[in-house]
Amino acid sequence: MKLIFAPDSFKGSLSAMQSCDILEKVTARIFPGAETVSVPVADGGEGTVDALLRAMGGTRVKTRVTGPLFEKESAEWGLLGDGETAVMEMAQASGLPYVPEGQRDPRRATSLGTGEMMADAIRRGVKKILIGIGGSATNDGGIGMLTALGARFLDAEGREVEPVGGSLIRVASADFSSLMPELSGVLITVICDVTNPLLGENGATFIYGPQKGAVPAIRDELEQGMAHYAQVVEKAVGRDISGFPGAGAAGGLGAALGGVLGAKLKTGIDAVLDAVDFEKKLDGVCLAVTGEGRIDGQSVRFGKVPVGVAKRCQEKGIPTVAIVGGIGEGAEGLFDLCESTIQTTVSGPMTLEKAMQDAPKLYEQAAERLFRAIRIGMKLK
């Protein structure tokens, strides 16, 4: 009997690694002698670095970077066990939590630190970069990131512009001839679960700008600057950077990564499962256990962790069970994807605070209930 464990974290209460440890303990109790494979996963947001380091081995690296308001920050990323793959989260360098609510103005924010983090990895000899771009504080079209990697953006008088959202309208020319030469040998994969274009009412500024401080009074100014910047960059690189799905992610960082650097954009769980070679780990597996803090119709629609895992398992005829904190409307859509079921950790009336506080104990109890039911099923004629 071989089981694979591929859970996501329960945000704020239980890490994916903790879930795997609990599942291994319960398996030893209910199915002694069974083989287990633990592959903690994430969807590109917080916990992605931790999950991939656990799944593939490697080391943590800290890089001093320029924060979104030009303050100095320490960004942490992972160098995976192969020595050639870096996994990072944009939020570590240019994340919204670095900017106090009263100071949020995307005209002044930069993605420079994200580029500095990438540059450090490239100088260390990596050949692949896997980067999650959720949680950004910026709306600068990636001008900061590109500047850190060697690009130059000049105004009409030939002076370098400050790499922030408010400067985009002044960019008269873009020069990419001084980009780090090593970039040509680096495969960049972007973990991106949004499909917004760069511009327009569904673009970066209108959809994601408000949470970063893009109030209506400055929204049109930012949009005008982004449109102008996109035209200049498109002329310099000779291809569209604004219309493809995901170009509007992370304040336009998707446009810079995909349109300028040629990065591949993948949905979060697919990028992570590909990185850990999930299909190969499924060899000989008879049951998969996954889960997340809450599963509902959006989890199914947007392909969150349990759904991504279930789809891969369905291709090999492996049943999937999900242990979750809560179930919402539409969660039963998981049953249409493969042979599956869902078990909640909440065992009675309790507050959310109590459920989060007791998450490890509740998760273990849920795993035991589920595994005992499976053991009974194995004995049915």
Protein backbone atom coordinates (compact mmCIF):
# COMPACT_ATOMS: atom_id res chain seq x y z
CA MET A 1 0.00 0.00 0.00
CA LYS A 2 1.46 3.34 -1.07
CA LEU A 3 -0.03 6.74 -0.23
CA ILE A 4 0.99 10.20 -1.41
CA PHE A 5 0.35 13.31 0.68
CA ALA A 6 0.09 16.62 -1.23
CA PRO A 7 -1.73 19.17 0.97
CA ASP A 8 -1.65 22.95 0.89
CA SER A 9 -1.31 24.94 4.10
CA PHE A 10 -4.22 26.06 6.24
CA LYS A 11 -3.39 29.75 6.13
CA GLY A 12 -2.36 31.07 9.52
CA SER A 13 -2.78 27.81 11.40
CA LEU A 14 -1.19 24.73 9.81
CA SER A 15 1.64 24.51 7.30
CA ALA A 16 1.66 21.97 4.49
CA MET A 17 4.71 20.36 6.09
CA GLN A 18 2.89 19.96 9.42
CA SER A 19 -0.03 18.31 7.62
CA CYS A 20 2.32 15.82 5.97
CA ASP A 21 3.95 14.99 9.30
CA ILE A 22 0.55 14.33 10.87
CA LEU A 23 -0.57 12.18 7.96
CA GLU A 24 2.58 10.07 8.22
CA LYS A 25 1.95 9.55 11.93
CA VAL A 26 -1.68 8.52 11.45
CA THR A 27 -0.77 6.22 8.57
CA ALA A 28 1.73 4.37 10.74
CA ARG A 29 -1.05 3.85 13.28
CA ILE A 30 -3.88 2.80 10.92
CA PHE A 31 -1.91 1.23 8.06
CA PRO A 32 1.33 -0.05 9.63
CA GLY A 33 3.88 -0.95 6.99
CA ALA A 34 2.34 1.27 4.30
CA GLU A 35 4.71 3.31 2.15
CA THR A 36 4.19 7.09 2.18
CA VAL A 37 5.44 9.93 0.00
CA SER A 38 5.09 13.49 1.31
CA VAL A 39 4.93 16.33 -1.20
CA PRO A 40 3.77 19.52 0.56
CA VAL A 41 2.58 21.93 -2.09
CA ALA A 42 1.36 25.50 -2.51
CA ASP A 43 -0.28 27.56 -5.23
CA GLY A 44 2.42 30.17 -5.67
CA GLY A 45 1.61 32.38 -2.70
CA GLU A 46 2.94 32.33 0.82
CA GLY A 47 4.49 28.96 1.62
CA THR A 48 5.63 28.10 -1.90
CA VAL A 49 9.32 28.31 -1.03
CA ASP A 50 8.84 26.22 2.11
CA ALA A 51 6.83 23.59 0.25
CA LEU A 52 9.32 23.15 -2.57
CA LEU A 53 12.31 23.05 -0.25
CA ARG A 54 10.60 20.29 1.74
CA ALA A 55 9.64 18.37 -1.39
CA MET A 56 12.95 18.69 -3.24
CA GLY A 57 15.57 19.61 -0.66
CA GLY A 58 17.80 22.65 -0.85
CA THR A 59 18.85 25.69 1.13
CA ARG A 60 17.44 29.06 2.08
CA VAL A 61 19.15 32.17 0.80
CA LYS A 62 18.73 35.70 2.09
CA THR A 63 19.30 38.68 -0.18
CA ARG A 64 19.36 42.34 0.83
CA VAL A 65 16.99 44.13 -1.52
CA THR A 66 15.30 47.46 -2.09
CA GLY A 67 11.80 47.35 -0.69
CA PRO A 68 8.77 48.83 -2.46
CA LEU A 69 9.34 52.25 -0.87
CA PHE A 70 13.15 52.06 -1.39
CA GLU A 71 13.75 50.89 2.16
CA LYS A 72 16.21 48.04 2.71
CA GLU A 73 14.66 44.63 3.27
CA SER A 74 15.87 41.04 3.55
CA ALA A 75 14.21 38.75 0.99
CA GLU A 76 14.36 35.00 1.49
CA TRP A 77 14.23 32.52 -1.40
CA GLY A 78 15.12 28.88 -1.96
CA LEU A 79 17.94 27.24 -3.91
CA LEU A 80 16.63 23.76 -4.62
CA GLY A 81 18.57 20.55 -4.26
CA ASP A 82 19.60 20.38 -7.91
CA GLY A 83 21.68 23.53 -7.37
CA GLU A 84 20.27 25.06 -10.54
CA THR A 85 16.70 26.01 -9.60
CA ALA A 86 15.65 29.04 -7.57
CA VAL A 87 12.15 29.36 -6.15
CA MET A 88 11.01 32.74 -4.91
CA GLU A 89 7.99 34.82 -3.98
CA MET A 90 7.77 38.39 -5.25
CA ALA A 91 6.08 39.40 -2.00
CA GLN A 92 9.34 38.71 -0.15
CA ALA A 93 10.93 41.68 -1.94
CA SER A 94 8.09 43.90 -3.14
CA GLY A 95 5.11 42.83 -1.05
CA LEU A 96 2.16 44.92 0.06
CA PRO A 97 2.75 44.20 3.79
CA TYR A 98 5.93 46.29 3.59
CA VAL A 99 3.81 49.39 2.94
CA PRO A 100 1.71 50.76 5.83
CA GLU A 101 -1.89 51.42 4.81
CA GLY A 102 -1.53 55.16 5.22
CA GLN A 103 1.45 55.24 2.85
CA ARG A 104 0.04 53.19 -0.02
CA ASP A 105 0.51 55.06 -3.28
CA PRO A 106 1.55 52.92 -6.27
CA ARG A 107 2.98 56.00 -7.98
CA ARG A 108 5.87 55.78 -5.51
CA ALA A 109 6.27 51.98 -5.29
CA THR A 110 8.91 49.95 -7.12
CA SER A 111 9.53 46.30 -8.03
CA LEU A 112 13.28 46.94 -7.96
CA GLY A 113 13.80 44.47 -5.10
CA THR A 114 12.23 41.63 -7.06
CA GLY A 115 14.78 42.15 -9.81
CA GLU A 116 17.60 42.32 -7.26
CA MET A 117 16.48 38.99 -5.80
CA MET A 118 16.41 37.44 -9.28
CA ALA A 119 19.82 38.93 -10.13
CA ASP A 120 21.35 37.43 -6.99
CA ALA A 121 20.04 33.98 -7.95
CA ILE A 122 21.37 34.36 -11.50
CA ARG A 123 24.81 35.40 -10.24
CA ARG A 124 24.83 32.22 -8.16
CA GLY A 125 24.51 30.21 -11.36
CA VAL A 126 20.87 29.15 -11.40
CA LYS A 127 19.43 28.01 -14.72
CA LYS A 128 15.76 28.00 -13.70
CA ILE A 129 13.71 30.50 -11.70
CA LEU A 130 10.24 29.69 -10.42
CA ILE A 131 8.64 32.87 -9.10
CA GLY A 132 5.24 33.46 -7.52
CA ILE A 133 4.02 36.99 -8.13
CA GLY A 134 1.08 37.35 -5.75
CA GLY A 135 0.81 40.01 -3.03
CA SER A 136 2.64 42.85 -4.76
CA ALA A 137 2.66 46.47 -3.59
CA THR A 138 3.49 47.81 -7.04
CA ASN A 139 1.84 49.06 -10.21
CA ASP A 140 5.02 49.87 -12.12
CA GLY A 141 4.76 47.54 -15.11
CA GLY A 142 7.89 45.75 -13.94
CA ILE A 143 10.10 48.75 -14.68
CA GLY A 144 11.81 48.30 -11.30
CA MET A 145 12.49 44.61 -11.83
CA LEU A 146 13.84 45.19 -15.34
CA THR A 147 16.04 48.06 -14.13
CA ALA A 148 17.64 45.81 -11.51
CA LEU A 149 18.42 43.28 -14.25
CA GLY A 150 20.22 45.90 -16.35
CA ALA A 151 17.55 47.56 -18.50
CA ARG A 152 17.61 51.36 -18.91
CA PHE A 153 14.59 53.61 -19.18
CA LEU A 154 15.23 57.20 -20.26
CA ASP A 155 13.08 60.33 -20.42
CA ALA A 156 12.91 62.76 -23.36
CA GLU A 157 16.13 64.45 -22.20
CA GLY A 158 18.08 61.19 -21.95
CA ARG A 159 17.99 60.93 -18.16
CA GLU A 160 17.17 57.70 -16.35
CA VAL A 161 13.70 57.75 -14.81
CA GLU A 162 12.99 56.61 -11.29
CA PRO A 163 11.64 53.03 -11.56
CA VAL A 164 8.20 53.63 -10.02
CA GLY A 165 4.63 53.67 -11.28
CA GLY A 166 4.46 57.45 -11.37
CA SER A 167 7.39 57.65 -13.80
CA LEU A 168 5.92 55.48 -16.55
CA ILE A 169 4.37 58.42 -18.36
CA ARG A 170 7.84 60.00 -18.74
CA VAL A 171 9.57 56.98 -20.31
CA ALA A 172 10.67 58.04 -23.80
CA SER A 173 12.91 55.08 -24.62
CA ALA A 174 13.73 51.61 -23.31
CA ASP A 175 17.15 50.00 -23.77
CA PHE A 176 17.51 46.27 -23.07
CA SER A 177 21.01 45.84 -24.51
CA SER A 178 22.57 45.85 -21.04
CA LEU A 179 20.36 43.15 -19.51
CA MET A 180 22.39 40.55 -17.62
CA PRO A 181 23.83 38.31 -20.37
CA GLU A 182 23.21 35.24 -18.19
CA LEU A 183 19.45 35.80 -18.58
CA SER A 184 19.53 34.19 -22.01
CA GLY A 185 20.39 30.86 -20.37
CA VAL A 186 17.77 31.05 -17.59
CA LEU A 187 14.29 29.54 -17.91
CA ILE A 188 11.83 31.67 -15.93
CA THR A 189 8.47 30.21 -14.94
CA VAL A 190 5.92 32.57 -13.41
CA ILE A 191 3.30 31.26 -11.00
CA CYS A 192 0.26 33.32 -11.91
CA ASP A 193 -3.40 32.51 -11.27
CA VAL A 194 -4.85 35.66 -12.83
CA THR A 195 -5.57 36.15 -16.52
CA ASN A 196 -6.00 39.92 -16.64
CA PRO A 197 -4.42 41.90 -19.48
CA LEU A 198 -2.19 44.85 -18.65
CA LEU A 199 -4.56 47.65 -19.65
CA GLY A 200 -8.23 48.58 -19.56
CA GLU A 201 -11.06 48.08 -17.11
CA ASN A 202 -9.92 44.49 -16.44
CA GLY A 203 -6.25 45.42 -16.30
CA ALA A 204 -3.66 45.84 -13.57
CA THR A 205 -4.56 49.38 -12.49
CA PHE A 206 -8.35 49.10 -12.40
CA ILE A 207 -8.64 45.63 -10.88
CA TYR A 208 -5.69 45.36 -8.49
CA GLY A 209 -4.65 48.98 -8.07
CA PRO A 210 -7.24 49.96 -5.43
CA GLN A 211 -5.85 47.57 -2.79
CA LYS A 212 -2.42 49.16 -3.34
CA GLY A 213 -3.70 52.71 -2.91
CA ALA A 214 -4.77 53.56 -6.47
CA VAL A 215 -7.70 55.73 -5.46
CA PRO A 216 -9.90 57.11 -8.27
CA ALA A 217 -8.07 60.44 -8.16
CA ILE A 218 -4.82 58.86 -9.38
CA ARG A 219 -6.14 55.79 -11.19
CA ASP A 220 -6.46 57.45 -14.59
CA GLU A 221 -2.98 58.93 -14.21
CA LEU A 222 -1.53 55.47 -13.55
CA GLU A 223 -3.46 53.89 -16.43
CA GLN A 224 -2.30 56.56 -18.85
CA GLY A 225 1.29 56.05 -17.74
CA MET A 226 1.03 52.27 -18.07
CA ALA A 227 -0.40 52.52 -21.61
CA HIS A 228 2.39 54.90 -22.66
CA TYR A 229 5.08 52.71 -21.10
CA ALA A 230 3.68 49.61 -22.82
CA GLN A 231 3.91 51.32 -26.22
CA VAL A 232 7.55 52.30 -25.63
CA VAL A 233 8.55 48.83 -24.45
CA GLU A 234 6.65 47.10 -27.25
CA LYS A 235 8.52 49.23 -29.80
CA ALA A 236 11.84 48.30 -28.18
CA VAL A 237 11.24 44.53 -27.99
CA GLY A 238 9.14 44.18 -31.13
CA ARG A 239 6.23 42.29 -29.61
CA ASP A 240 3.06 42.77 -27.58
CA ILE A 241 3.56 42.91 -23.83
CA SER A 242 0.09 44.00 -22.75
CA GLY A 243 -2.61 41.78 -24.26
CA PHE A 244 -1.71 38.24 -23.22
CA PRO A 245 -3.44 36.60 -20.23
CA GLY A 246 -1.57 37.41 -17.01
CA ALA A 247 0.14 40.55 -18.32
CA GLY A 248 -1.73 42.55 -15.68
CA ALA A 249 -0.62 40.37 -12.77
CA ALA A 250 1.36 42.00 -9.95
CA GLY A 251 0.88 45.52 -11.22
CA GLY A 252 2.15 44.64 -14.68
CA LEU A 253 5.10 42.53 -13.58
CA GLY A 254 3.53 39.75 -15.65
CA ALA A 255 3.93 41.93 -18.74
CA ALA A 256 7.62 42.49 -18.05
CA LEU A 257 8.35 38.85 -17.24
CA GLY A 258 6.33 37.31 -20.06
CA GLY A 259 6.53 40.03 -22.68
CA VAL A 260 10.12 41.19 -22.23
CA LEU A 261 12.00 38.28 -20.62
CA GLY A 262 10.05 35.51 -22.36
CA ALA A 263 8.99 33.82 -19.13
CA LYS A 264 6.29 31.15 -19.20
CA LEU A 265 3.20 31.88 -17.12
CA LYS A 266 1.57 28.87 -15.44
CA THR A 267 -1.25 28.47 -12.96
CA GLY A 268 0.02 28.11 -9.41
CA ILE A 269 -0.62 24.47 -8.63
CA ASP A 270 0.40 23.29 -12.12
CA ALA A 271 3.72 25.12 -11.89
CA VAL A 272 4.46 23.65 -8.47
CA LEU A 273 3.41 20.10 -9.40
CA ASP A 274 5.55 20.27 -12.54
CA ALA A 275 8.50 21.53 -10.49
CA VAL A 276 8.35 18.57 -8.09
CA ASP A 277 7.83 16.05 -10.93
CA PHE A 278 4.53 15.01 -9.38
CA GLU A 279 3.58 12.46 -12.07
CA LYS A 280 6.71 10.45 -11.38
CA LYS A 281 5.94 10.42 -7.66
CA LEU A 282 2.54 8.88 -8.41
CA ASP A 283 4.08 5.61 -9.60
CA GLY A 284 2.61 2.77 -7.53
CA VAL A 285 0.36 5.07 -5.46
CA CYS A 286 -3.10 3.75 -4.57
CA LEU A 287 -4.43 6.80 -2.66
CA ALA A 288 -3.71 10.56 -2.63
CA VAL A 289 -4.45 12.86 0.29
CA THR A 290 -4.63 16.60 -0.32
CA GLY A 291 -6.47 19.57 1.20
CA GLU A 292 -6.56 23.26 2.07
CA GLY A 293 -8.10 25.56 4.65
CA ARG A 294 -11.43 25.82 2.85
CA ILE A 295 -12.76 24.18 -0.29
CA ASP A 296 -15.70 25.57 -2.26
CA GLY A 297 -16.84 26.28 -5.78
CA GLN A 298 -14.05 28.79 -6.36
CA SER A 299 -11.48 26.16 -5.44
CA VAL A 300 -12.92 24.01 -8.23
CA ARG A 301 -13.34 26.84 -10.71
CA PHE A 302 -9.88 28.32 -10.27
CA GLY A 303 -8.03 25.04 -9.86
CA LYS A 304 -6.71 25.41 -6.33
CA VAL A 305 -4.41 22.80 -4.77
CA PRO A 306 -6.92 19.97 -4.11
CA VAL A 307 -8.31 20.31 -7.62
CA GLY A 308 -4.90 20.41 -9.28
CA VAL A 309 -3.83 17.32 -7.35
CA ALA A 310 -7.11 15.51 -8.12
CA LYS A 311 -6.77 16.15 -11.86
CA ARG A 312 -3.26 14.70 -11.97
CA CYS A 313 -4.39 11.67 -9.97
CA GLN A 314 -7.46 11.13 -12.13
CA GLU A 315 -5.21 10.66 -15.15
CA LYS A 316 -3.66 7.65 -13.41
CA GLY A 317 -6.88 6.33 -11.87
CA ILE A 318 -5.82 7.19 -8.31
CA PRO A 319 -8.65 8.15 -5.88
CA THR A 320 -8.15 11.40 -3.98
CA VAL A 321 -9.33 12.43 -0.53
CA ALA A 322 -9.19 16.00 0.75
CA ILE A 323 -8.90 17.00 4.40
CA VAL A 324 -10.06 20.61 4.75
CA GLY A 325 -10.91 23.12 7.42
CA GLY A 326 -14.28 23.95 5.96
CA ILE A 327 -16.58 23.15 3.04
CA GLY A 328 -18.43 25.80 1.06
CA GLU A 329 -21.04 25.77 -1.68
CA GLY A 330 -19.84 24.12 -4.85
CA ALA A 331 -17.17 21.97 -3.23
CA GLU A 332 -18.88 18.86 -4.55
CA GLY A 333 -17.52 19.80 -7.97
CA LEU A 334 -14.41 17.93 -6.86
CA PHE A 335 -16.38 14.69 -7.14
CA ASP A 336 -16.82 15.26 -10.87
CA LEU A 337 -13.06 15.37 -11.41
CA CYS A 338 -12.12 11.98 -10.00
CA GLU A 339 -13.08 9.35 -7.42
CA SER A 340 -12.88 11.52 -4.33
CA THR A 341 -14.31 12.61 -1.01
CA ILE A 342 -13.86 15.45 1.49
CA GLN A 343 -13.32 15.29 5.26
CA THR A 344 -13.52 18.40 7.46
CA THR A 345 -11.34 18.98 10.49
CA VAL A 346 -14.10 20.83 12.35
CA SER A 347 -15.82 18.21 14.51
CA GLY A 348 -18.45 20.35 16.21
CA PRO A 349 -19.65 23.91 16.79
CA MET A 350 -16.62 26.16 17.35
CA THR A 351 -15.33 29.61 16.53
CA LEU A 352 -12.88 30.18 13.71
CA GLU A 353 -10.33 31.24 16.31
CA LYS A 354 -10.75 27.92 18.15
CA ALA A 355 -10.52 25.93 14.91
CA MET A 356 -7.27 27.68 13.98
CA GLN A 357 -5.82 27.38 17.47
CA ASP A 358 -6.49 23.63 17.62
CA ALA A 359 -5.73 22.96 13.94
CA PRO A 360 -3.01 20.29 14.46
CA LYS A 361 -5.15 18.25 16.87
CA LEU A 362 -8.28 18.61 14.75
CA TYR A 363 -6.37 17.65 11.61
CA GLU A 364 -5.02 14.49 13.22
CA GLN A 365 -8.49 13.50 14.42
CA ALA A 366 -9.92 14.08 10.93
CA ALA A 367 -7.16 12.02 9.33
CA GLU A 368 -7.83 9.15 11.73
CA ARG A 369 -11.59 9.20 11.02
CA LEU A 370 -10.90 9.22 7.30
CA PHE A 371 -8.30 6.46 7.34
CA ARG A 372 -10.46 4.24 9.54
CA ALA A 373 -13.32 4.62 7.05
CA ILE A 374 -10.96 3.69 4.23
CA ARG A 375 -9.78 0.62 6.18
CA ILE A 376 -13.39 -0.47 6.62
CA GLY A 377 -13.96 -0.02 2.89
CA MET A 378 -11.00 -2.24 2.14
CA LYS A 379 -12.68 -5.07 4.05
CA LEU A 380 -16.05 -4.84 2.30
CA LYS A 381 -16.95 -7.70 -0.04
